[in-house]
Amino acid sequence: MLASLLEGLSDAIGFVTGALLGFGLGITLGLDLFAPGYGTGSIVAIVLVGLGGGMGLQAARVLRARSQSQD
C-alpha cells in the first residue's frame, strides 16, 4: 500500500511541476492561458501546459524506476 501511495504522489508531483513549468514558459513567451475566448495564443499556452505536465509525469516515472533499480 505504501508503494502505491508513493507512486501516486510522485506522479502527481511530476505532473504538477511540469504543468507549472509549461505555464511559466507560456508566460515568458507572452501567451495568456486565461485570455477570453480561444485565440491562438491561448491554445498554444494550453498545449504547453499539457506537454509540460506529460513530460513531468514521464520524468517522475523514469526517476522512480531508476531509484527502484538501484535498490
PDB file of N, CA and C in Angstrom:
ATOM      1  N   MET A   1       0.820  -1.190   0.000  1.00  0.00           N
ATOM      2  CA  MET A   1       0.000   0.000   0.000  1.00  0.00           C
ATOM      3  C   MET A   1       0.866   1.257   0.000  1.00  0.00           C
ATOM      4  N   LEU A   2       1.932   1.250   0.752  1.00  0.00           N
ATOM      5  CA  LEU A   2       2.813   2.415   0.797  1.00  0.00           C
ATOM      6  C   LEU A   2       3.453   2.663  -0.566  1.00  0.00           C
ATOM      7  N   ALA A   3       3.801   1.594  -1.279  1.00  0.00           N
ATOM      8  CA  ALA A   3       4.406   1.751  -2.600  1.00  0.00           C
ATOM      9  C   ALA A   3       3.429   2.425  -3.560  1.00  0.00           C
ATOM     10  N   SER A   4       2.146   2.054  -3.485  1.00  0.00           N
ATOM     11  CA  SER A   4       1.133   2.672  -4.352  1.00  0.00           C
ATOM     12  C   SER A   4       0.955   4.148  -4.022  1.00  0.00           C
ATOM     13  N   LEU A   5       0.983   4.470  -2.740  1.00  0.00           N
ATOM     14  CA  LEU A   5       0.850   5.857  -2.323  1.00  0.00           C
ATOM     15  C   LEU A   5       2.028   6.685  -2.830  1.00  0.00           C
ATOM     16  N   LEU A   6       3.237   6.159  -2.671  1.00  0.00           N
ATOM     17  CA  LEU A   6       4.422   6.883  -3.146  1.00  0.00           C
ATOM     18  C   LEU A   6       4.418   7.026  -4.661  1.00  0.00           C
ATOM     19  N   GLU A   7       3.942   5.999  -5.350  1.00  0.00           N
ATOM     20  CA  GLU A   7       3.856   6.078  -6.812  1.00  0.00           C
ATOM     21  C   GLU A   7       2.880   7.177  -7.239  1.00  0.00           C
ATOM     22  N   GLY A   8       1.726   7.216  -6.602  1.00  0.00           N
ATOM     23  CA  GLY A   8       0.739   8.243  -6.932  1.00  0.00           C
ATOM     24  C   GLY A   8       1.216   9.639  -6.606  1.00  0.00           C
ATOM     25  N   LEU A   9       1.854   9.785  -5.458  1.00  0.00           N
ATOM     26  CA  LEU A   9       2.359  11.114  -5.070  1.00  0.00           C
ATOM     27  C   LEU A   9       3.469  11.587  -6.006  1.00  0.00           C
ATOM     28  N   SER A  10       4.375  10.691  -6.369  1.00  0.00           N
ATOM     29  CA  SER A  10       5.460  11.109  -7.260  1.00  0.00           C
ATOM     30  C   SER A  10       4.912  11.445  -8.647  1.00  0.00           C
ATOM     31  N   ASP A  11       3.912  10.698  -9.122  1.00  0.00           N
ATOM     32  CA  ASP A  11       3.290  11.034 -10.404  1.00  0.00           C
ATOM     33  C   ASP A  11       2.628  12.410 -10.340  1.00  0.00           C
ATOM     34  N   ALA A  12       1.901  12.666  -9.251  1.00  0.00           N
ATOM     35  CA  ALA A  12       1.209  13.946  -9.106  1.00  0.00           C
ATOM     36  C   ALA A  12       2.199  15.106  -9.026  1.00  0.00           C
ATOM     37  N   ILE A  13       3.248  14.923  -8.259  1.00  0.00           N
ATOM     38  CA  ILE A  13       4.256  15.986  -8.130  1.00  0.00           C
ATOM     39  C   ILE A  13       4.935  16.245  -9.469  1.00  0.00           C
ATOM     40  N   GLY A  14       5.268  15.186 -10.191  1.00  0.00           N
ATOM     41  CA  GLY A  14       5.888  15.350 -11.507  1.00  0.00           C
ATOM     42  C   GLY A  14       4.970  16.062 -12.482  1.00  0.00           C
ATOM     43  N   PHE A  15       3.685  15.670 -12.493  1.00  0.00           N
ATOM     44  CA  PHE A  15       2.730  16.292 -13.411  1.00  0.00           C
ATOM     45  C   PHE A  15       2.539  17.770 -13.095  1.00  0.00           C
ATOM     46  N   VAL A  16       2.314  18.085 -11.832  1.00  0.00           N
ATOM     47  CA  VAL A  16       2.063  19.481 -11.451  1.00  0.00           C
ATOM     48  C   VAL A  16       3.296  20.347 -11.710  1.00  0.00           C
ATOM     49  N   THR A  17       4.471  19.813 -11.380  1.00  0.00           N
ATOM     50  CA  THR A  17       5.705  20.567 -11.627  1.00  0.00           C
ATOM     51  C   THR A  17       5.884  20.839 -13.115  1.00  0.00           C
ATOM     52  N   GLY A  18       5.680  19.819 -13.946  1.00  0.00           N
ATOM     53  CA  GLY A  18       5.804  20.004 -15.392  1.00  0.00           C
ATOM     54  C   GLY A  18       4.778  20.978 -15.937  1.00  0.00           C
ATOM     55  N   ALA A  19       3.541  20.887 -15.438  1.00  0.00           N
ATOM     56  CA  ALA A  19       2.499  21.807 -15.899  1.00  0.00           C
ATOM     57  C   ALA A  19       2.829  23.245 -15.510  1.00  0.00           C
ATOM     58  N   LEU A  20       3.352  23.429 -14.309  1.00  0.00           N
ATOM     59  CA  LEU A  20       3.740  24.782 -13.890  1.00  0.00           C
ATOM     60  C   LEU A  20       4.902  25.320 -14.723  1.00  0.00           C
ATOM     61  N   LEU A  21       5.830  24.445 -15.077  1.00  0.00           N
ATOM     62  CA  LEU A  21       6.928  24.877 -15.947  1.00  0.00           C
ATOM     63  C   LEU A  21       6.401  25.251 -17.337  1.00  0.00           C
ATOM     64  N   GLY A  22       5.451  24.482 -17.854  1.00  0.00           N
ATOM     65  CA  GLY A  22       4.825  24.821 -19.136  1.00  0.00           C
ATOM     66  C   GLY A  22       4.075  26.134 -19.059  1.00  0.00           C
ATOM     67  N   PHE A  23       3.372  26.350 -17.951  1.00  0.00           N
ATOM     68  CA  PHE A  23       2.664  27.610 -17.740  1.00  0.00           C
ATOM     69  C   PHE A  23       3.654  28.775 -17.691  1.00  0.00           C
ATOM     70  N   GLY A  24       4.754  28.582 -16.967  1.00  0.00           N
ATOM     71  CA  GLY A  24       5.777  29.628 -16.876  1.00  0.00           C
ATOM     72  C   GLY A  24       6.407  29.931 -18.223  1.00  0.00           C
ATOM     73  N   LEU A  25       6.629  28.897 -19.026  1.00  0.00           N
ATOM     74  CA  LEU A  25       7.169  29.111 -20.366  1.00  0.00           C
ATOM     75  C   LEU A  25       6.189  29.920 -21.209  1.00  0.00           C
ATOM     76  N   GLY A  26       4.906  29.609 -21.084  1.00  0.00           N
ATOM     77  CA  GLY A  26       3.902  30.374 -21.815  1.00  0.00           C
ATOM     78  C   GLY A  26       3.876  31.833 -21.399  1.00  0.00           C
ATOM     79  N   ILE A  27       3.971  32.081 -20.105  1.00  0.00           N
ATOM     80  CA  ILE A  27       4.014  33.466 -19.613  1.00  0.00           C
ATOM     81  C   ILE A  27       5.257  34.174 -20.149  1.00  0.00           C
ATOM     82  N   THR A  28       6.393  33.465 -20.130  1.00  0.00           N
ATOM     83  CA  THR A  28       7.637  34.042 -20.627  1.00  0.00           C
ATOM     84  C   THR A  28       7.529  34.420 -22.101  1.00  0.00           C
ATOM     85  N   LEU A  29       6.806  33.593 -22.862  1.00  0.00           N
ATOM     86  CA  LEU A  29       6.635  33.859 -24.292  1.00  0.00           C
ATOM     87  C   LEU A  29       5.514  34.867 -24.567  1.00  0.00           C
ATOM     88  N   GLY A  30       4.859  35.348 -23.509  1.00  0.00           N
ATOM     89  CA  GLY A  30       3.809  36.339 -23.666  1.00  0.00           C
ATOM     90  C   GLY A  30       2.450  35.750 -24.023  1.00  0.00           C
ATOM     91  N   LEU A  31       2.250  34.471 -23.735  1.00  0.00           N
ATOM     92  CA  LEU A  31       0.980  33.814 -24.039  1.00  0.00           C
ATOM     93  C   LEU A  31       0.098  33.822 -22.798  1.00  0.00           C
ATOM     94  N   ASP A  32      -1.185  34.140 -22.986  1.00  0.00           N
ATOM     95  CA  ASP A  32      -2.108  34.223 -21.860  1.00  0.00           C
ATOM     96  C   ASP A  32      -3.049  33.022 -21.889  1.00  0.00           C
ATOM     97  N   LEU A  33      -2.836  32.101 -20.958  1.00  0.00           N
ATOM     98  CA  LEU A  33      -3.654  30.894 -20.873  1.00  0.00           C
ATOM     99  C   LEU A  33      -5.106  31.225 -20.589  1.00  0.00           C
ATOM    100  N   PHE A  34      -5.350  32.253 -19.801  1.00  0.00           N
ATOM    101  CA  PHE A  34      -6.694  32.587 -19.356  1.00  0.00           C
ATOM    102  C   PHE A  34      -7.313  33.742 -20.139  1.00  0.00           C
ATOM    103  N   ALA A  35      -6.845  33.965 -21.352  1.00  0.00           N
ATOM    104  CA  ALA A  35      -7.420  35.024 -22.189  1.00  0.00           C
ATOM    105  C   ALA A  35      -8.850  34.652 -22.564  1.00  0.00           C
ATOM    106  N   PRO A  36      -9.721  35.645 -22.669  1.00  0.00           N
ATOM    107  CA  PRO A  36     -11.097  35.334 -23.067  1.00  0.00           C
ATOM    108  C   PRO A  36     -11.134  34.771 -24.496  1.00  0.00           C
ATOM    109  N   GLY A  37     -11.947  33.757 -24.690  1.00  0.00           N
ATOM    110  CA  GLY A  37     -12.027  33.121 -25.999  1.00  0.00           C
ATOM    111  C   GLY A  37     -10.883  32.153 -26.197  1.00  0.00           C
ATOM    112  N   TYR A  38     -10.846  31.555 -27.333  1.00  0.00           N
ATOM    113  CA  TYR A  38      -9.793  30.589 -27.645  1.00  0.00           C
ATOM    114  C   TYR A  38      -8.993  31.081 -28.836  1.00  0.00           C
ATOM    115  N   GLY A  39      -8.166  32.088 -28.587  1.00  0.00           N
ATOM    116  CA  GLY A  39      -7.286  32.584 -29.624  1.00  0.00           C
ATOM    117  C   GLY A  39      -6.075  31.677 -29.762  1.00  0.00           C
ATOM    118  N   THR A  40      -5.256  31.955 -30.738  1.00  0.00           N
ATOM    119  CA  THR A  40      -4.073  31.132 -31.000  1.00  0.00           C
ATOM    120  C   THR A  40      -3.136  31.109 -29.802  1.00  0.00           C
ATOM    121  N   GLY A  41      -2.896  32.263 -29.197  1.00  0.00           N
ATOM    122  CA  GLY A  41      -2.001  32.323 -28.038  1.00  0.00           C
ATOM    123  C   GLY A  41      -2.511  31.502 -26.878  1.00  0.00           C
ATOM    124  N   SER A  42      -3.807  31.535 -26.654  1.00  0.00           N
ATOM    125  CA  SER A  42      -4.408  30.772 -25.565  1.00  0.00           C
ATOM    126  C   SER A  42      -4.290  29.267 -25.817  1.00  0.00           C
ATOM    127  N   ILE A  43      -4.517  28.848 -27.041  1.00  0.00           N
ATOM    128  CA  ILE A  43      -4.422  27.425 -27.379  1.00  0.00           C
ATOM    129  C   ILE A  43      -2.976  26.945 -27.263  1.00  0.00           C
ATOM    130  N   VAL A  44      -2.036  27.745 -27.712  1.00  0.00           N
ATOM    131  CA  VAL A  44      -0.623  27.364 -27.593  1.00  0.00           C
ATOM    132  C   VAL A  44      -0.236  27.256 -26.118  1.00  0.00           C
ATOM    133  N   ALA A  45      -0.732  28.163 -25.283  1.00  0.00           N
ATOM    134  CA  ALA A  45      -0.445  28.102 -23.853  1.00  0.00           C
ATOM    135  C   ALA A  45      -1.036  26.835 -23.233  1.00  0.00           C
ATOM    136  N   ILE A  46      -2.242  26.453 -23.644  1.00  0.00           N
ATOM    137  CA  ILE A  46      -2.864  25.227 -23.153  1.00  0.00           C
ATOM    138  C   ILE A  46      -2.035  24.014 -23.556  1.00  0.00           C
ATOM    139  N   VAL A  47      -1.554  24.001 -24.778  1.00  0.00           N
ATOM    140  CA  VAL A  47      -0.710  22.896 -25.254  1.00  0.00           C
ATOM    141  C   VAL A  47       0.585  22.836 -24.455  1.00  0.00           C
ATOM    142  N   LEU A  48       1.192  23.975 -24.162  1.00  0.00           N
ATOM    143  CA  LEU A  48       2.430  23.999 -23.374  1.00  0.00           C
ATOM    144  C   LEU A  48       2.211  23.434 -21.974  1.00  0.00           C
ATOM    145  N   VAL A  49       1.090  23.769 -21.364  1.00  0.00           N
ATOM    146  CA  VAL A  49       0.782  23.234 -20.029  1.00  0.00           C
ATOM    147  C   VAL A  49       0.588  21.728 -20.113  1.00  0.00           C
ATOM    148  N   GLY A  50      -0.129  21.252 -21.119  1.00  0.00           N
ATOM    149  CA  GLY A  50      -0.348  19.818 -21.281  1.00  0.00           C
ATOM    150  C   GLY A  50       0.935  19.057 -21.554  1.00  0.00           C
ATOM    151  N   LEU A  51       1.758  19.587 -22.443  1.00  0.00           N
ATOM    152  CA  LEU A  51       3.044  18.943 -22.737  1.00  0.00           C
ATOM    153  C   LEU A  51       3.959  18.946 -21.513  1.00  0.00           C
ATOM    154  N   GLY A  52       3.975  20.056 -20.809  1.00  0.00           N
ATOM    155  CA  GLY A  52       4.796  20.134 -19.598  1.00  0.00           C
ATOM    156  C   GLY A  52       4.346  19.133 -18.556  1.00  0.00           C
ATOM    157  N   GLY A  53       3.035  19.001 -18.366  1.00  0.00           N
ATOM    158  CA  GLY A  53       2.510  18.032 -17.414  1.00  0.00           C
ATOM    159  C   GLY A  53       2.859  16.600 -17.805  1.00  0.00           C
ATOM    160  N   GLY A  54       2.708  16.275 -19.075  1.00  0.00           N
ATOM    161  CA  GLY A  54       3.050  14.937 -19.543  1.00  0.00           C
ATOM    162  C   GLY A  54       4.533  14.632 -19.412  1.00  0.00           C
ATOM    163  N   MET A  55       5.368  15.616 -19.726  1.00  0.00           N
ATOM    164  CA  MET A  55       6.811  15.404 -19.608  1.00  0.00           C
ATOM    165  C   MET A  55       7.223  15.288 -18.145  1.00  0.00           C
ATOM    166  N   GLY A  56       6.584  16.052 -17.277  1.00  0.00           N
ATOM    167  CA  GLY A  56       6.874  15.948 -15.845  1.00  0.00           C
ATOM    168  C   GLY A  56       6.477  14.589 -15.294  1.00  0.00           C
ATOM    169  N   LEU A  57       5.339  14.069 -15.732  1.00  0.00           N
ATOM    170  CA  LEU A  57       4.884  12.748 -15.314  1.00  0.00           C
ATOM    171  C   LEU A  57       5.863  11.676 -15.772  1.00  0.00           C
ATOM    172  N   GLN A  58       6.288  11.750 -17.017  1.00  0.00           N
ATOM    173  CA  GLN A  58       7.235  10.758 -17.529  1.00  0.00           C
ATOM    174  C   GLN A  58       8.586  10.861 -16.809  1.00  0.00           C
ATOM    175  N   ALA A  59       9.020  12.067 -16.509  1.00  0.00           N
ATOM    176  CA  ALA A  59      10.275  12.246 -15.781  1.00  0.00           C
ATOM    177  C   ALA A  59      10.186  11.634 -14.390  1.00  0.00           C
ATOM    178  N   ALA A  60       9.043  11.814 -13.727  1.00  0.00           N
ATOM    179  CA  ALA A  60       8.862  11.226 -12.401  1.00  0.00           C
ATOM    180  C   ALA A  60       8.914   9.709 -12.469  1.00  0.00           C
ATOM    181  N   ARG A  61       8.307   9.138 -13.496  1.00  0.00           N
ATOM    182  CA  ARG A  61       8.317   7.677 -13.644  1.00  0.00           C
ATOM    183  C   ARG A  61       9.713   7.149 -13.939  1.00  0.00           C
ATOM    184  N   VAL A  62      10.460   7.864 -14.767  1.00  0.00           N
ATOM    185  CA  VAL A  62      11.839   7.444 -15.070  1.00  0.00           C
ATOM    186  C   VAL A  62      12.695   7.517 -13.813  1.00  0.00           C
ATOM    187  N   LEU A  63      12.579   8.599 -13.073  1.00  0.00           N
ATOM    188  CA  LEU A  63      13.364   8.750 -11.850  1.00  0.00           C
ATOM    189  C   LEU A  63      12.988   7.686 -10.809  1.00  0.00           C
ATOM    190  N   ARG A  64      11.696   7.373 -10.710  1.00  0.00           N
ATOM    191  CA  ARG A  64      11.251   6.350  -9.766  1.00  0.00           C
ATOM    192  C   ARG A  64      11.766   4.972 -10.181  1.00  0.00           C
ATOM    193  N   ALA A  65      11.726   4.657 -11.479  1.00  0.00           N
ATOM    194  CA  ALA A  65      12.234   3.371 -11.948  1.00  0.00           C
ATOM    195  C   ALA A  65      13.744   3.262 -11.736  1.00  0.00           C
ATOM    196  N   ARG A  66      14.446   4.361 -11.967  1.00  0.00           N
ATOM    197  CA  ARG A  66      15.899   4.369 -11.764  1.00  0.00           C
ATOM    198  C   ARG A  66      16.224   4.157 -10.284  1.00  0.00           C
ATOM    199  N   SER A  67      15.438   4.792  -9.421  1.00  0.00           N
ATOM    200  CA  SER A  67      15.636   4.659  -7.978  1.00  0.00           C
ATOM    201  C   SER A  67      15.355   3.228  -7.523  1.00  0.00           C
ATOM    202  N   GLN A  68      14.317   2.603  -8.070  1.00  0.00           N
ATOM    203  CA  GLN A  68      13.956   1.240  -7.686  1.00  0.00           C
ATOM    204  C   GLN A  68      14.971   0.229  -8.197  1.00  0.00           C
ATOM    205  N   SER A  69      15.589   0.504  -9.353  1.00  0.00           N
ATOM    206  CA  SER A  69      16.570  -0.446  -9.883  1.00  0.00           C
ATOM    207  C   SER A  69      17.877  -0.397  -9.104  1.00  0.00           C
ATOM    208  N   GLN A  70      18.152   0.718  -8.432  1.00  0.00           N
ATOM    209  CA  GLN A  70      19.369   0.832  -7.624  1.00  0.00           C
ATOM    210  C   GLN A  70      19.236   0.137  -6.293  1.00  0.00           C
ATOM    211  N   ASP A  71      17.996  -0.099  -5.842  1.00  0.00           N
ATOM    212  CA  ASP A  71      17.780  -0.760  -4.538  1.00  0.00           C
ATOM    213  C   ASP A  71      18.087  -2.234  -4.588  1.00  0.00           C
TER     214      ASP A  71
END
